[in-house]
Structure formats: structure tokens, C-alpha cells
Amino acid sequence: MPAERRQPLKIEVPDQKQETLRFGRVGLIVTAGFAIGILWPRVAGFKLVPSVPSQPADSSGSADLTGAPADPKSGAALAGSAAATEVEPAPAEPPPSTDRLQISEPQFVVCKAKGKKKKDDCDHIDFDRLARPHIQVLAECQGAEHMEGVLSLGFELDFESQTVKAIKNGKSTSLAQADVDALMTCEKKEFSNVSLVGISHQNQSYSVFYKVDFPKPGKPPPAADAAAAEPAPGEVTEATGHATVAWDVALVRGSASRDGAVIARVLQGTRISVTGRRGDWYRIKYDVKGNVGWVYRTAIGM
């Protein structure tokens, strides 16, 4: 068979000028495409990505969202600093003043030891230091600011259980019954967790009363009216006149002090003669024999 004729292999070396021309064309095409892709959407008004939000322009509707008052002349809401003005909160209403109450010294009516009641030789226990702050809370009870009258407030103290066993109102109470019920509910809640632990005592139980005076609203306390006439401590001011026992039982003591020995008991409604005064204590003649003793001012309504 005749041998095939082979074509000779030809190798072409590219011309450098031609290659530079080709790359130059590619560069022109890419540049033109980039320019069309970036510039054309802007010229035509198209947005390929969302724009950054800008500050909204002031408008009449934006002021409504701030709560700014409307301008009476233009009808538009006030803007600027007026819209940003802070309104100061109204001052809180102050709590009721405990000075409204006039609380007497405690009157220990009766005590009991080993089942035997005693009236004349009850020791004076330090219950007042514990009780007085809780009694002053009566000024904060609902409706107390409008009350006018006297509350005779009694406590039954039981040292076997170390608790205030009962709270009651006495006969000398002059408040309306609805007011009494409200005050007693308030006071029973206040004393519900009060303990007598730590109070020195000689008897097992005590009955003690306070007179809580609610003066007429707006009337200054009696002590303020008589401040100028207050005698010096220890000085006895002579007096003449009569008074009526306001307490259920007024304790007459041998000296003008709550630590003075009890020398007599005078029942409510008894007329007595007043012969002198030392501070908050009054010297009285408490019987037809002319015997003299001292009572605390609230016991005779002073």
C-alpha cells in the first residue's frame, strides 16, 4: 500500500501587536458593561438596593405625635423646644399628720395575778412606749381626717401568751358608731403582731385604757393654745372651779405623776372640784370629805 502522505506541522507564533489589540478590545467591552450597569439605573431612576433612611422633614402631622399643644393662631402644633418641654409631676399628697390626735396617758384600770383581780395596787408597766406609736396610726385610718370626738381605747394585756388579747372601746367614746368601727378595725390590724415580750410586769394580765381625742378639723391642738400659760415644771398653779370625770374610771394619784400611787378611783360623770394644776396634772377634791389627789388632764376632759 502506498504510504500516506503526511502534512508538515506548522507552528504559528502570535504577533505581540495582535494580542495587545485583542486585550484592548476586551477591556473596552468590560468598561462599557460596568458603566452601563452603574450609570444606567441612576439615569433611568431605578434603585438596585434600598437607600439609607433619611431624617423626615418637619410636617404638621409630626407634631401631633409629640403631644405638643396646638398654636391657637395657626392651628398647627408647636414644635421645637415647646414640644419637648417636660411636664413636672404633681407633688405627692403628704400623709396625715399624727399631731391631729391627742392621746392621753395610759390608765391602768385593773390587773390580775393568780386569778385574783386587783385595782388599787397595779404596777405601772412600760406598755405606753410600745403602744403609743401604734395608736398614732389611727390618724392615717380611712376617714380619720374628718372625724371629731373621743375614742376610749382599751387593751387587755395577757402576759401568759405575751400578746394583746383584746382591743375594745369604752363608754366615754363620743364618735359616731361607723367611725368607731373603722378605727377599731384599723387598730386591731395594727396590733395583730405586737408582742409583749421584754416588758417587765408583776401580774399576769392588765386592763389599760387610753383616751384618743380627735379635735375639730382645722382646730389647733389644745397644747398650742395654752403654751403661753404653761407653768414651769414642778410649779403648782392655784385654781378654782369644777369639772366632770370624762373617763370610765379616773385614777386619782397621790402625786402629779403617772408613777404616783393610786389613792382613789372616780367613776365617769362625777363632779369634782379643781384646786390646782401642775403641768398636765390637776389637783382635785374627789369626795365629800375633801380628800385631795391628782388626775391627768384628759381624765376630767381638760
C-alpha atoms as a PDB file:
ATOM      1  CA  MET A   1       0.000   0.000   0.000  1.00  0.00           C
ATOM      2  CA  PRO A   2       1.332   3.357  -0.740  1.00  0.00           C
ATOM      3  CA  ALA A   3       2.470   5.260   2.327  1.00  0.00           C
ATOM      4  CA  GLU A   4       0.251   8.055   3.483  1.00  0.00           C
ATOM      5  CA  ARG A   5       1.429  11.467   2.815  1.00  0.00           C
ATOM      6  CA  ARG A   6       1.714  13.492   5.939  1.00  0.00           C
ATOM      7  CA  GLN A   7       1.178  17.189   6.024  1.00  0.00           C
ATOM      8  CA  PRO A   8       4.043  19.055   7.527  1.00  0.00           C
ATOM      9  CA  LEU A   9       3.346  20.522  11.116  1.00  0.00           C
ATOM     10  CA  LYS A  10       3.058  24.258  11.141  1.00  0.00           C
ATOM     11  CA  ILE A  11       3.656  26.306  14.327  1.00  0.00           C
ATOM     12  CA  GLU A  12       2.417  29.862  14.345  1.00  0.00           C
ATOM     13  CA  VAL A  13       3.848  32.357  16.828  1.00  0.00           C
ATOM     14  CA  PRO A  14       1.286  35.105  17.705  1.00  0.00           C
ATOM     15  CA  ASP A  15       2.210  38.571  16.931  1.00  0.00           C
ATOM     16  CA  GLN A  16       2.539  40.755  20.036  1.00  0.00           C
ATOM     17  CA  LYS A  17       0.720  43.654  18.413  1.00  0.00           C
ATOM     18  CA  GLN A  18      -2.291  41.483  17.588  1.00  0.00           C
ATOM     19  CA  GLU A  19      -2.549  40.185  21.206  1.00  0.00           C
ATOM     20  CA  THR A  20      -2.387  43.709  22.612  1.00  0.00           C
ATOM     21  CA  LEU A  21      -5.198  44.676  20.284  1.00  0.00           C
ATOM     22  CA  ARG A  22      -7.363  41.760  21.463  1.00  0.00           C
ATOM     23  CA  PHE A  23      -6.896  42.556  25.176  1.00  0.00           C
ATOM     24  CA  GLY A  24      -7.608  46.168  24.470  1.00  0.00           C
ATOM     25  CA  ARG A  25     -10.980  45.223  22.929  1.00  0.00           C
ATOM     26  CA  VAL A  26     -11.853  43.065  25.948  1.00  0.00           C
ATOM     27  CA  GLY A  27     -11.036  45.937  28.291  1.00  0.00           C
ATOM     28  CA  LEU A  28     -13.262  48.274  26.307  1.00  0.00           C
ATOM     29  CA  ILE A  29     -16.176  45.803  26.451  1.00  0.00           C
ATOM     30  CA  VAL A  30     -15.796  45.308  30.244  1.00  0.00           C
ATOM     31  CA  THR A  31     -15.568  49.036  30.894  1.00  0.00           C
ATOM     32  CA  ALA A  32     -18.611  49.694  28.746  1.00  0.00           C
ATOM     33  CA  GLY A  33     -20.610  46.984  30.585  1.00  0.00           C
ATOM     34  CA  PHE A  34     -19.611  48.325  34.003  1.00  0.00           C
ATOM     35  CA  ALA A  35     -20.558  51.849  33.025  1.00  0.00           C
ATOM     36  CA  ILE A  36     -23.911  50.701  31.673  1.00  0.00           C
ATOM     37  CA  GLY A  37     -24.618  48.637  34.835  1.00  0.00           C
ATOM     38  CA  ILE A  38     -23.846  51.518  37.238  1.00  0.00           C
ATOM     39  CA  LEU A  39     -24.859  54.633  35.380  1.00  0.00           C
ATOM     40  CA  TRP A  40     -27.935  53.457  33.500  1.00  0.00           C
ATOM     41  CA  PRO A  41     -30.105  52.614  36.611  1.00  0.00           C
ATOM     42  CA  ARG A  42     -29.365  56.035  38.053  1.00  0.00           C
ATOM     43  CA  VAL A  43     -30.180  57.802  34.799  1.00  0.00           C
ATOM     44  CA  ALA A  44     -33.357  55.738  34.399  1.00  0.00           C
ATOM     45  CA  GLY A  45     -34.396  56.208  38.057  1.00  0.00           C
ATOM     46  CA  PHE A  46     -34.062  52.533  39.129  1.00  0.00           C
ATOM     47  CA  LYS A  47     -32.761  51.536  42.631  1.00  0.00           C
ATOM     48  CA  LEU A  48     -30.933  48.206  42.838  1.00  0.00           C
ATOM     49  CA  VAL A  49     -30.553  48.370  46.677  1.00  0.00           C
ATOM     50  CA  PRO A  50     -32.616  50.187  49.382  1.00  0.00           C
ATOM     51  CA  SER A  51     -31.362  53.646  50.356  1.00  0.00           C
ATOM     52  CA  VAL A  52     -30.383  54.681  53.870  1.00  0.00           C
ATOM     53  CA  PRO A  53     -33.415  56.228  55.592  1.00  0.00           C
ATOM     54  CA  SER A  54     -33.170  59.977  55.910  1.00  0.00           C
ATOM     55  CA  GLN A  55     -34.460  62.337  58.610  1.00  0.00           C
ATOM     56  CA  PRO A  56     -38.128  63.030  57.902  1.00  0.00           C
ATOM     57  CA  ALA A  57     -38.965  66.579  57.123  1.00  0.00           C
ATOM     58  CA  ASP A  58     -40.979  68.572  59.608  1.00  0.00           C
ATOM     59  CA  SER A  59     -44.660  68.410  58.915  1.00  0.00           C
ATOM     60  CA  SER A  60     -47.821  69.405  60.616  1.00  0.00           C
ATOM     61  CA  GLY A  61     -48.647  65.752  61.289  1.00  0.00           C
ATOM     62  CA  SER A  62     -45.375  65.005  63.119  1.00  0.00           C
ATOM     63  CA  ALA A  63     -46.174  67.474  65.872  1.00  0.00           C
ATOM     64  CA  ASP A  64     -49.361  65.556  66.689  1.00  0.00           C
ATOM     65  CA  LEU A  65     -47.243  62.568  67.747  1.00  0.00           C
ATOM     66  CA  THR A  66     -45.348  64.609  70.318  1.00  0.00           C
ATOM     67  CA  GLY A  67     -48.422  65.786  72.169  1.00  0.00           C
ATOM     68  CA  ALA A  68     -47.448  69.429  71.707  1.00  0.00           C
ATOM     69  CA  PRO A  69     -50.299  71.913  72.212  1.00  0.00           C
ATOM     70  CA  ALA A  70     -51.774  73.486  69.116  1.00  0.00           C
ATOM     71  CA  ASP A  71     -50.961  77.063  68.203  1.00  0.00           C
ATOM     72  CA  PRO A  72     -54.261  78.971  68.593  1.00  0.00           C
ATOM     73  CA  LYS A  73     -53.325  81.332  65.728  1.00  0.00           C
ATOM     74  CA  SER A  74     -52.145  78.943  63.039  1.00  0.00           C
ATOM     75  CA  GLY A  75     -53.889  75.800  64.241  1.00  0.00           C
ATOM     76  CA  ALA A  76     -50.599  73.886  63.916  1.00  0.00           C
ATOM     77  CA  ALA A  77     -48.886  72.108  66.783  1.00  0.00           C
ATOM     78  CA  LEU A  78     -45.996  73.864  68.420  1.00  0.00           C
ATOM     79  CA  ALA A  79     -42.625  72.376  67.524  1.00  0.00           C
ATOM     80  CA  GLY A  80     -39.057  72.624  68.774  1.00  0.00           C
ATOM     81  CA  SER A  81     -38.396  73.179  72.440  1.00  0.00           C
ATOM     82  CA  ALA A  82     -42.067  73.677  73.265  1.00  0.00           C
ATOM     83  CA  ALA A  83     -42.850  70.141  72.110  1.00  0.00           C
ATOM     84  CA  ALA A  84     -40.009  68.736  74.186  1.00  0.00           C
ATOM     85  CA  THR A  85     -40.929  70.585  77.391  1.00  0.00           C
ATOM     86  CA  GLU A  86     -41.398  68.119  80.253  1.00  0.00           C
ATOM     87  CA  VAL A  87     -44.419  68.484  82.486  1.00  0.00           C
ATOM     88  CA  GLU A  88     -43.476  68.295  86.151  1.00  0.00           C
ATOM     89  CA  PRO A  89     -45.463  65.665  88.088  1.00  0.00           C
ATOM     90  CA  ALA A  90     -47.854  66.921  90.717  1.00  0.00           C
ATOM     91  CA  PRO A  91     -46.384  66.742  94.230  1.00  0.00           C
ATOM     92  CA  ALA A  92     -47.460  63.727  96.247  1.00  0.00           C
ATOM     93  CA  GLU A  93     -50.090  64.361  98.885  1.00  0.00           C
ATOM     94  CA  PRO A  94     -48.427  64.401 102.319  1.00  0.00           C
ATOM     95  CA  PRO A  95     -49.504  61.680 104.757  1.00  0.00           C
ATOM     96  CA  PRO A  96     -51.955  62.617 107.527  1.00  0.00           C
ATOM     97  CA  SER A  97     -50.239  64.254 110.496  1.00  0.00           C
ATOM     98  CA  THR A  98     -50.212  62.277 113.717  1.00  0.00           C
ATOM     99  CA  ASP A  99     -50.347  65.627 115.573  1.00  0.00           C
ATOM    100  CA  ARG A 100     -54.054  65.627 114.855  1.00  0.00           C
ATOM    101  CA  LEU A 101     -54.532  63.049 117.631  1.00  0.00           C
ATOM    102  CA  GLN A 102     -54.432  63.935 121.309  1.00  0.00           C
ATOM    103  CA  ILE A 103     -53.501  60.742 123.190  1.00  0.00           C
ATOM    104  CA  SER A 104     -53.788  60.648 126.965  1.00  0.00           C
ATOM    105  CA  GLU A 105     -51.536  58.918 129.454  1.00  0.00           C
ATOM    106  CA  PRO A 106     -52.425  55.235 129.980  1.00  0.00           C
ATOM    107  CA  GLN A 107     -54.924  54.447 132.728  1.00  0.00           C
ATOM    108  CA  PHE A 108     -54.426  51.008 134.300  1.00  0.00           C
ATOM    109  CA  VAL A 109     -57.922  50.095 135.417  1.00  0.00           C
ATOM    110  CA  VAL A 110     -57.396  46.576 136.734  1.00  0.00           C
ATOM    111  CA  CYS A 111     -54.765  43.826 136.884  1.00  0.00           C
ATOM    112  CA  LYS A 112     -54.922  40.169 137.813  1.00  0.00           C
ATOM    113  CA  ALA A 113     -52.470  37.720 139.376  1.00  0.00           C
ATOM    114  CA  LYS A 114     -53.171  34.058 140.153  1.00  0.00           C
ATOM    115  CA  GLY A 115     -56.853  34.511 139.337  1.00  0.00           C
ATOM    116  CA  LYS A 116     -57.321  37.431 141.739  1.00  0.00           C
ATOM    117  CA  LYS A 117     -58.249  40.866 140.417  1.00  0.00           C
ATOM    118  CA  LYS A 118     -56.601  43.949 141.881  1.00  0.00           C
ATOM    119  CA  LYS A 119     -57.499  47.566 141.289  1.00  0.00           C
ATOM    120  CA  ASP A 120     -55.549  49.756 143.665  1.00  0.00           C
ATOM    121  CA  ASP A 121     -52.035  48.339 143.612  1.00  0.00           C
ATOM    122  CA  CYS A 122     -51.380  47.536 139.941  1.00  0.00           C
ATOM    123  CA  ASP A 123     -47.770  48.120 138.972  1.00  0.00           C
ATOM    124  CA  HIS A 124     -47.221  50.586 136.145  1.00  0.00           C
ATOM    125  CA  ILE A 125     -45.756  48.546 133.294  1.00  0.00           C
ATOM    126  CA  ASP A 126     -43.987  50.193 130.352  1.00  0.00           C
ATOM    127  CA  PHE A 127     -46.720  49.442 127.830  1.00  0.00           C
ATOM    128  CA  ASP A 128     -47.011  53.062 126.678  1.00  0.00           C
ATOM    129  CA  ARG A 129     -43.605  53.047 124.962  1.00  0.00           C
ATOM    130  CA  LEU A 130     -44.769  50.097 122.844  1.00  0.00           C
ATOM    131  CA  ALA A 131     -48.380  51.133 122.284  1.00  0.00           C
ATOM    132  CA  ARG A 132     -48.227  54.866 121.546  1.00  0.00           C
ATOM    133  CA  PRO A 133     -46.667  54.636 118.031  1.00  0.00           C
ATOM    134  CA  HIS A 134     -49.330  52.101 117.056  1.00  0.00           C
ATOM    135  CA  ILE A 135     -52.118  54.291 118.451  1.00  0.00           C
ATOM    136  CA  GLN A 136     -50.840  57.272 116.460  1.00  0.00           C
ATOM    137  CA  VAL A 137     -51.501  55.249 113.289  1.00  0.00           C
ATOM    138  CA  LEU A 138     -55.207  55.955 113.888  1.00  0.00           C
ATOM    139  CA  ALA A 139     -54.586  59.339 112.234  1.00  0.00           C
ATOM    140  CA  GLU A 140     -53.936  57.504 108.957  1.00  0.00           C
ATOM    141  CA  CYS A 141     -57.080  55.348 109.026  1.00  0.00           C
ATOM    142  CA  GLN A 142     -59.579  55.983 106.257  1.00  0.00           C
ATOM    143  CA  GLY A 143     -61.787  58.979 107.044  1.00  0.00           C
ATOM    144  CA  ALA A 144     -59.882  59.908 110.227  1.00  0.00           C
ATOM    145  CA  GLU A 145     -59.131  63.402 108.903  1.00  0.00           C
ATOM    146  CA  HIS A 146     -62.860  64.233 109.082  1.00  0.00           C
ATOM    147  CA  MET A 147     -63.633  62.675 112.494  1.00  0.00           C
ATOM    148  CA  GLU A 148     -64.439  64.739 115.552  1.00  0.00           C
ATOM    149  CA  GLY A 149     -64.872  63.331 119.039  1.00  0.00           C
ATOM    150  CA  VAL A 150     -63.301  60.977 121.567  1.00  0.00           C
ATOM    151  CA  LEU A 151     -62.355  57.320 121.297  1.00  0.00           C
ATOM    152  CA  SER A 152     -61.926  55.440 124.568  1.00  0.00           C
ATOM    153  CA  LEU A 153     -59.465  52.750 123.558  1.00  0.00           C
ATOM    154  CA  GLY A 154     -58.913  49.758 125.850  1.00  0.00           C
ATOM    155  CA  PHE A 155     -56.378  46.926 125.752  1.00  0.00           C
ATOM    156  CA  GLU A 156     -56.428  43.572 127.524  1.00  0.00           C
ATOM    157  CA  LEU A 157     -52.814  42.520 128.049  1.00  0.00           C
ATOM    158  CA  ASP A 158     -52.077  38.837 128.643  1.00  0.00           C
ATOM    159  CA  PHE A 159     -48.524  38.068 129.756  1.00  0.00           C
ATOM    160  CA  GLU A 160     -49.074  34.331 129.728  1.00  0.00           C
ATOM    161  CA  SER A 161     -49.310  34.429 125.938  1.00  0.00           C
ATOM    162  CA  GLN A 162     -47.270  37.678 125.681  1.00  0.00           C
ATOM    163  CA  THR A 163     -49.959  39.203 123.426  1.00  0.00           C
ATOM    164  CA  VAL A 164     -52.595  41.926 123.337  1.00  0.00           C
ATOM    165  CA  LYS A 165     -55.544  39.636 123.946  1.00  0.00           C
ATOM    166  CA  ALA A 166     -58.323  42.088 123.080  1.00  0.00           C
ATOM    167  CA  ILE A 167     -58.913  45.664 121.963  1.00  0.00           C
ATOM    168  CA  LYS A 168     -62.189  47.406 122.809  1.00  0.00           C
ATOM    169  CA  ASN A 169     -63.776  50.835 123.085  1.00  0.00           C
ATOM    170  CA  GLY A 170     -65.060  52.227 126.364  1.00  0.00           C
ATOM    171  CA  LYS A 171     -68.194  54.038 127.435  1.00  0.00           C
ATOM    172  CA  SER A 172     -66.670  57.513 127.174  1.00  0.00           C
ATOM    173  CA  THR A 173     -66.389  57.189 123.383  1.00  0.00           C
ATOM    174  CA  SER A 174     -68.304  60.010 121.669  1.00  0.00           C
ATOM    175  CA  LEU A 175     -67.561  59.275 117.989  1.00  0.00           C
ATOM    176  CA  ALA A 176     -70.215  58.009 115.588  1.00  0.00           C
ATOM    177  CA  GLN A 177     -70.513  54.221 115.593  1.00  0.00           C
ATOM    178  CA  ALA A 178     -69.424  53.955 111.954  1.00  0.00           C
ATOM    179  CA  ASP A 179     -66.241  55.883 112.796  1.00  0.00           C
ATOM    180  CA  VAL A 180     -65.634  53.713 115.859  1.00  0.00           C
ATOM    181  CA  ASP A 181     -65.962  50.524 113.790  1.00  0.00           C
ATOM    182  CA  ALA A 182     -63.491  51.844 111.203  1.00  0.00           C
ATOM    183  CA  LEU A 183     -60.959  52.872 113.854  1.00  0.00           C
ATOM    184  CA  MET A 184     -61.237  49.597 115.780  1.00  0.00           C
ATOM    185  CA  THR A 185     -60.707  47.571 112.603  1.00  0.00           C
ATOM    186  CA  CYS A 186     -57.654  49.675 111.811  1.00  0.00           C
ATOM    187  CA  GLU A 187     -56.233  49.337 115.329  1.00  0.00           C
ATOM    188  CA  LYS A 188     -56.801  45.577 115.606  1.00  0.00           C
ATOM    189  CA  LYS A 189     -54.887  45.102 112.387  1.00  0.00           C
ATOM    190  CA  GLU A 190     -52.095  47.350 113.692  1.00  0.00           C
ATOM    191  CA  PHE A 191     -51.741  45.337 116.933  1.00  0.00           C
ATOM    192  CA  SER A 192     -52.165  41.898 115.350  1.00  0.00           C
ATOM    193  CA  ASN A 193     -48.429  41.120 115.505  1.00  0.00           C
ATOM    194  CA  VAL A 194     -47.460  43.150 118.577  1.00  0.00           C
ATOM    195  CA  SER A 195     -45.676  41.123 121.264  1.00  0.00           C
ATOM    196  CA  LEU A 196     -45.341  41.962 124.973  1.00  0.00           C
ATOM    197  CA  VAL A 197     -42.017  40.171 125.271  1.00  0.00           C
ATOM    198  CA  GLY A 198     -39.471  42.241 127.185  1.00  0.00           C
ATOM    199  CA  ILE A 199     -41.969  44.299 129.262  1.00  0.00           C
ATOM    200  CA  SER A 200     -41.376  43.911 132.992  1.00  0.00           C
ATOM    201  CA  HIS A 201     -44.518  43.033 134.952  1.00  0.00           C
ATOM    202  CA  GLN A 202     -45.680  41.700 138.289  1.00  0.00           C
ATOM    203  CA  ASN A 203     -49.134  40.464 137.310  1.00  0.00           C
ATOM    204  CA  GLN A 204     -50.453  38.070 134.687  1.00  0.00           C
ATOM    205  CA  SER A 205     -52.902  40.412 132.966  1.00  0.00           C
ATOM    206  CA  TYR A 206     -53.755  44.100 132.779  1.00  0.00           C
ATOM    207  CA  SER A 207     -56.607  46.239 131.524  1.00  0.00           C
ATOM    208  CA  VAL A 208     -55.413  49.631 130.296  1.00  0.00           C
ATOM    209  CA  PHE A 209     -57.290  52.477 128.617  1.00  0.00           C
ATOM    210  CA  TYR A 210     -56.317  55.478 126.534  1.00  0.00           C
ATOM    211  CA  LYS A 211     -58.411  58.482 125.609  1.00  0.00           C
ATOM    212  CA  VAL A 212     -57.817  59.411 121.957  1.00  0.00           C
ATOM    213  CA  ASP A 213     -59.202  62.837 121.122  1.00  0.00           C
ATOM    214  CA  PHE A 214     -59.972  63.798 117.507  1.00  0.00           C
ATOM    215  CA  PRO A 215     -60.339  67.613 117.610  1.00  0.00           C
ATOM    216  CA  LYS A 216     -62.378  69.509 115.068  1.00  0.00           C
ATOM    217  CA  PRO A 217     -60.553  69.516 111.691  1.00  0.00           C
ATOM    218  CA  GLY A 218     -58.513  72.697 111.336  1.00  0.00           C
ATOM    219  CA  LYS A 219     -58.510  73.453 115.055  1.00  0.00           C
ATOM    220  CA  PRO A 220     -55.022  73.784 116.589  1.00  0.00           C
ATOM    221  CA  PRO A 221     -54.125  71.318 119.363  1.00  0.00           C
ATOM    222  CA  PRO A 222     -55.113  72.456 122.863  1.00  0.00           C
ATOM    223  CA  ALA A 223     -51.460  72.428 123.929  1.00  0.00           C
ATOM    224  CA  ALA A 224     -50.679  75.089 121.297  1.00  0.00           C
ATOM    225  CA  ASP A 225     -53.431  77.372 122.612  1.00  0.00           C
ATOM    226  CA  ALA A 226     -52.207  77.127 126.204  1.00  0.00           C
ATOM    227  CA  ALA A 227     -48.468  77.134 125.549  1.00  0.00           C
ATOM    228  CA  ALA A 228     -48.003  80.624 126.950  1.00  0.00           C
ATOM    229  CA  ALA A 229     -49.859  79.743 130.163  1.00  0.00           C
ATOM    230  CA  GLU A 230     -47.936  76.508 130.809  1.00  0.00           C
ATOM    231  CA  PRO A 231     -46.478  76.558 134.324  1.00  0.00           C
ATOM    232  CA  ALA A 232     -42.851  75.658 134.926  1.00  0.00           C
ATOM    233  CA  PRO A 233     -42.116  72.013 135.813  1.00  0.00           C
ATOM    234  CA  GLY A 234     -42.793  71.375 139.488  1.00  0.00           C
ATOM    235  CA  GLU A 235     -44.691  74.620 139.933  1.00  0.00           C
ATOM    236  CA  VAL A 236     -48.280  74.357 141.163  1.00  0.00           C
ATOM    237  CA  THR A 237     -50.719  76.916 139.829  1.00  0.00           C
ATOM    238  CA  GLU A 238     -53.654  77.520 142.162  1.00  0.00           C
ATOM    239  CA  ALA A 239     -57.076  77.133 140.540  1.00  0.00           C
ATOM    240  CA  THR A 240     -60.734  77.067 141.444  1.00  0.00           C
ATOM    241  CA  GLY A 241     -63.605  75.508 139.571  1.00  0.00           C
ATOM    242  CA  HIS A 242     -65.398  72.298 138.859  1.00  0.00           C
ATOM    243  CA  ALA A 243     -65.056  69.547 136.273  1.00  0.00           C
ATOM    244  CA  THR A 244     -66.707  66.286 135.344  1.00  0.00           C
ATOM    245  CA  VAL A 245     -64.918  62.955 135.075  1.00  0.00           C
ATOM    246  CA  ALA A 246     -64.789  62.011 131.377  1.00  0.00           C
ATOM    247  CA  TRP A 247     -63.142  58.631 131.695  1.00  0.00           C
ATOM    248  CA  ASP A 248     -64.974  55.433 132.579  1.00  0.00           C
ATOM    249  CA  VAL A 249     -62.792  55.376 135.694  1.00  0.00           C
ATOM    250  CA  ALA A 250     -60.436  58.231 136.633  1.00  0.00           C
ATOM    251  CA  LEU A 251     -57.403  57.170 138.684  1.00  0.00           C
ATOM    252  CA  VAL A 252     -56.594  59.619 141.455  1.00  0.00           C
ATOM    253  CA  ARG A 253     -52.921  59.540 142.411  1.00  0.00           C
ATOM    254  CA  GLY A 254     -51.050  60.794 145.440  1.00  0.00           C
ATOM    255  CA  SER A 255     -48.637  62.849 143.328  1.00  0.00           C
ATOM    256  CA  ALA A 256     -48.663  64.599 139.970  1.00  0.00           C
ATOM    257  CA  SER A 257     -47.007  61.716 138.154  1.00  0.00           C
ATOM    258  CA  ARG A 258     -48.111  58.539 136.425  1.00  0.00           C
ATOM    259  CA  ASP A 259     -45.846  56.714 138.852  1.00  0.00           C
ATOM    260  CA  GLY A 260     -47.751  58.124 141.810  1.00  0.00           C
ATOM    261  CA  ALA A 261     -49.654  55.681 143.997  1.00  0.00           C
ATOM    262  CA  VAL A 262     -53.357  55.268 143.149  1.00  0.00           C
ATOM    263  CA  ILE A 263     -55.321  56.527 146.173  1.00  0.00           C
ATOM    264  CA  ALA A 264     -58.846  56.520 144.700  1.00  0.00           C
ATOM    265  CA  ARG A 265     -60.981  55.811 141.647  1.00  0.00           C
ATOM    266  CA  VAL A 266     -63.726  58.141 140.500  1.00  0.00           C
ATOM    267  CA  LEU A 267     -66.453  56.993 138.115  1.00  0.00           C
ATOM    268  CA  GLN A 268     -67.480  58.735 134.895  1.00  0.00           C
ATOM    269  CA  GLY A 269     -69.882  61.655 135.348  1.00  0.00           C
ATOM    270  CA  THR A 270     -68.761  62.503 138.877  1.00  0.00           C
ATOM    271  CA  ARG A 271     -68.451  66.239 139.580  1.00  0.00           C
ATOM    272  CA  ILE A 272     -65.178  67.178 141.278  1.00  0.00           C
ATOM    273  CA  SER A 273     -63.556  70.404 142.480  1.00  0.00           C
ATOM    274  CA  VAL A 274     -60.295  71.534 140.855  1.00  0.00           C
ATOM    275  CA  THR A 275     -57.866  73.269 143.240  1.00  0.00           C
ATOM    276  CA  GLY A 276     -54.585  73.411 141.330  1.00  0.00           C
ATOM    277  CA  ARG A 277     -52.529  72.438 138.328  1.00  0.00           C
ATOM    278  CA  ARG A 278     -49.008  71.187 137.692  1.00  0.00           C
ATOM    279  CA  GLY A 279     -48.237  70.656 134.008  1.00  0.00           C
ATOM    280  CA  ASP A 280     -50.794  68.191 132.631  1.00  0.00           C
ATOM    281  CA  TRP A 281     -51.947  67.101 136.101  1.00  0.00           C
ATOM    282  CA  TYR A 282     -54.811  68.623 138.077  1.00  0.00           C
ATOM    283  CA  ARG A 283     -55.245  68.626 141.839  1.00  0.00           C
ATOM    284  CA  ILE A 284     -58.815  67.793 142.781  1.00  0.00           C
ATOM    285  CA  LYS A 285     -61.093  67.157 145.740  1.00  0.00           C
ATOM    286  CA  TYR A 286     -62.647  63.852 144.843  1.00  0.00           C
ATOM    287  CA  ASP A 287     -65.087  63.149 147.706  1.00  0.00           C
ATOM    288  CA  VAL A 288     -67.344  64.909 150.198  1.00  0.00           C
ATOM    289  CA  LYS A 289     -64.666  64.633 152.895  1.00  0.00           C
ATOM    290  CA  GLY A 290     -62.411  66.948 150.905  1.00  0.00           C
ATOM    291  CA  ASN A 291     -59.674  64.401 150.213  1.00  0.00           C
ATOM    292  CA  VAL A 292     -57.203  65.666 147.625  1.00  0.00           C
ATOM    293  CA  GLY A 293     -55.380  63.871 144.826  1.00  0.00           C
ATOM    294  CA  TRP A 294     -54.054  64.295 141.307  1.00  0.00           C
ATOM    295  CA  VAL A 295     -55.598  63.244 137.971  1.00  0.00           C
ATOM    296  CA  TYR A 296     -54.316  63.552 134.429  1.00  0.00           C
ATOM    297  CA  ARG A 297     -55.999  66.337 132.455  1.00  0.00           C
ATOM    298  CA  THR A 298     -57.803  64.087 129.937  1.00  0.00           C
ATOM    299  CA  ALA A 299     -59.448  62.133 132.771  1.00  0.00           C
ATOM    300  CA  ILE A 300     -61.560  65.196 133.521  1.00  0.00           C
ATOM    301  CA  GLY A 301     -61.894  66.438 129.960  1.00  0.00           C
ATOM    302  CA  MET A 302     -59.271  69.173 130.237  1.00  0.00           C
END
